[in-house]
C-alpha atoms as a PDB file:
ATOM      1  CA  MET A   1       0.000   0.000   0.000  1.00  0.00           C
ATOM      2  CA  ILE A   2       2.804   2.421   0.872  1.00  0.00           C
ATOM      3  CA  VAL A   3       4.685   1.478  -2.286  1.00  0.00           C
ATOM      4  CA  LYS A   4       1.623   2.304  -4.369  1.00  0.00           C
ATOM      5  CA  PHE A   5       1.310   5.655  -2.614  1.00  0.00           C
ATOM      6  CA  ILE A   6       4.985   6.489  -3.228  1.00  0.00           C
ATOM      7  CA  ASP A   7       4.637   5.507  -6.889  1.00  0.00           C
ATOM      8  CA  TYR A   8       1.516   7.675  -7.110  1.00  0.00           C
ATOM      9  CA  LEU A   9       3.435  10.659  -5.717  1.00  0.00           C
ATOM     10  CA  ARG A  10       6.407  10.009  -8.011  1.00  0.00           C
ATOM     11  CA  ASP A  11       4.141   9.991 -11.037  1.00  0.00           C
ATOM     12  CA  ARG A  12       2.804  13.406  -9.992  1.00  0.00           C
ATOM     13  CA  LEU A  13       6.066  15.019  -8.856  1.00  0.00           C
ATOM     14  CA  LYS A  14       5.277  18.477 -10.243  1.00  0.00           C
ATOM     15  CA  LEU A  15       1.995  18.516  -8.327  1.00  0.00           C
ATOM     16  CA  VAL A  16       3.742  17.485  -5.104  1.00  0.00           C
ATOM     17  CA  ILE A  17       6.344  20.250  -5.538  1.00  0.00           C
ATOM     18  CA  ARG A  18       3.641  22.838  -6.200  1.00  0.00           C
ATOM     19  CA  LEU A  19       1.706  21.711  -3.128  1.00  0.00           C
ATOM     20  CA  CYS A  20       4.815  21.997  -0.952  1.00  0.00           C
ATOM     21  CA  PHE A  21       5.527  25.504  -2.219  1.00  0.00           C
ATOM     22  CA  GLY A  22       1.873  26.400  -1.686  1.00  0.00           C
ATOM     23  CA  VAL A  23       2.020  25.246   1.928  1.00  0.00           C
ATOM     24  CA  LEU A  24       5.235  27.228   2.416  1.00  0.00           C
ATOM     25  CA  VAL A  25       3.588  30.363   1.002  1.00  0.00           C
ATOM     26  CA  LEU A  26       0.572  29.881   3.271  1.00  0.00           C
ATOM     27  CA  LEU A  27       2.840  29.518   6.295  1.00  0.00           C
ATOM     28  CA  VAL A  28       4.734  32.697   5.437  1.00  0.00           C
ATOM     29  CA  LEU A  29       1.466  34.597   4.892  1.00  0.00           C
ATOM     30  CA  TYR A  30       0.107  33.311   8.195  1.00  0.00           C
ATOM     31  CA  ASP A  31       3.308  34.362   9.908  1.00  0.00           C
ATOM     32  CA  ALA A  32       3.337  37.792   8.275  1.00  0.00           C
ATOM     33  CA  LEU A  33      -0.337  38.684   8.687  1.00  0.00           C
ATOM     34  CA  LEU A  34      -1.839  36.839  11.645  1.00  0.00           C
ATOM     35  CA  LEU A  35       0.912  36.055  14.136  1.00  0.00           C
ATOM     36  CA  ASP A  36       1.536  38.359  17.086  1.00  0.00           C
ATOM     37  CA  LYS A  37       5.198  39.453  17.000  1.00  0.00           C
ATOM     38  CA  SER A  38       5.149  41.511  20.199  1.00  0.00           C
ATOM     39  CA  TYR A  39       6.658  38.641  22.215  1.00  0.00           C
ATOM     40  CA  ALA A  40       9.598  38.014  19.861  1.00  0.00           C
ATOM     41  CA  HIS A  41      12.918  37.675  21.648  1.00  0.00           C
ATOM     42  CA  THR A  42      15.201  38.764  18.794  1.00  0.00           C
ATOM     43  CA  ALA A  43      14.944  41.127  15.851  1.00  0.00           C
ATOM     44  CA  ALA A  44      15.147  38.213  13.413  1.00  0.00           C
ATOM     45  CA  GLU A  45      11.948  36.712  14.824  1.00  0.00           C
ATOM     46  CA  LYS A  46      10.054  39.842  13.831  1.00  0.00           C
ATOM     47  CA  LEU A  47      10.805  39.237  10.136  1.00  0.00           C
ATOM     48  CA  PRO A  48       7.908  37.683   8.220  1.00  0.00           C
ATOM     49  CA  GLY A  49       8.522  34.012   7.525  1.00  0.00           C
ATOM     50  CA  PHE A  50      11.720  33.817   9.570  1.00  0.00           C
ATOM     51  CA  TRP A  51      11.016  30.409  11.105  1.00  0.00           C
ATOM     52  CA  SER A  52       9.832  28.949   7.801  1.00  0.00           C
ATOM     53  CA  LEU A  53      13.008  30.109   6.097  1.00  0.00           C
ATOM     54  CA  PHE A  54      15.130  28.982   9.048  1.00  0.00           C
ATOM     55  CA  GLY A  55      13.621  25.485   8.928  1.00  0.00           C
ATOM     56  CA  PHE A  56      14.031  25.235   5.157  1.00  0.00           C
ATOM     57  CA  ILE A  57      17.704  26.253   5.279  1.00  0.00           C
ATOM     58  CA  ALA A  58      18.367  23.944   8.236  1.00  0.00           C
ATOM     59  CA  CYS A  59      16.828  21.024   6.331  1.00  0.00           C
ATOM     60  CA  ILE A  60      18.984  21.703   3.272  1.00  0.00           C
ATOM     61  CA  LEU A  61      22.132  21.967   5.419  1.00  0.00           C
ATOM     62  CA  LEU A  62      21.330  18.675   7.166  1.00  0.00           C
ATOM     63  CA  ILE A  63      20.954  16.914   3.824  1.00  0.00           C
ATOM     64  CA  VAL A  64      24.178  18.414   2.428  1.00  0.00           C
ATOM     65  CA  PHE A  65      26.223  17.548   5.532  1.00  0.00           C
ATOM     66  CA  ALA A  66      24.785  14.026   5.699  1.00  0.00           C
ATOM     67  CA  LYS A  67      25.744  13.386   2.076  1.00  0.00           C
ATOM     68  CA  LEU A  68      29.199  14.855   2.625  1.00  0.00           C
ATOM     69  CA  TYR A  69      29.679  12.724   5.735  1.00  0.00           C
ATOM     70  CA  GLY A  70      28.607   9.656   3.792  1.00  0.00           C
ATOM     71  CA  TYR A  71      31.031  10.338   0.962  1.00  0.00           C
ATOM     72  CA  LEU A  72      33.920  10.923   3.386  1.00  0.00           C
ATOM     73  CA  GLY A  73      33.898   7.483   4.890  1.00  0.00           C
ATOM     74  CA  ILE A  74      30.644   5.844   5.788  1.00  0.00           C
ATOM     75  CA  GLN A  75      29.919   4.677   2.259  1.00  0.00           C
ATOM     76  CA  THR A  76      32.433   2.100   1.093  1.00  0.00           C
ATOM     77  CA  ARG A  77      32.840  -0.084  -1.927  1.00  0.00           C
ATOM     78  CA  GLU A  78      30.687  -3.183  -2.179  1.00  0.00           C
ATOM     79  CA  ASP A  79      33.758  -5.442  -2.269  1.00  0.00           C
ATOM     80  CA  TYR A  80      35.254  -3.971   0.917  1.00  0.00           C
ATOM     81  CA  TYR A  81      35.139  -7.241   2.858  1.00  0.00           C
ATOM     82  CA  ASP A  82      36.105  -9.436  -0.097  1.00  0.00           C
ATOM     83  CA  ARG A  83      39.746  -8.376  -0.004  1.00  0.00           C
END
């Protein structure tokens, strides 16, 4: 069942990407228009969409560092133990 769902999403990748961007835009609009910023602790928190942007950049950095870490030593050749 999960495999069918993943295949369904893969077949409609452009739609999934558009939906994700739509949700991101809605979150930024909610943050900019409806959220009370009077209790913000720093100046950065008063910027519209700060936490959405912060989370997006943090996610990208985690992926990049995980791939880099994998290439530096965790991933080895398939015949590593055959020698």
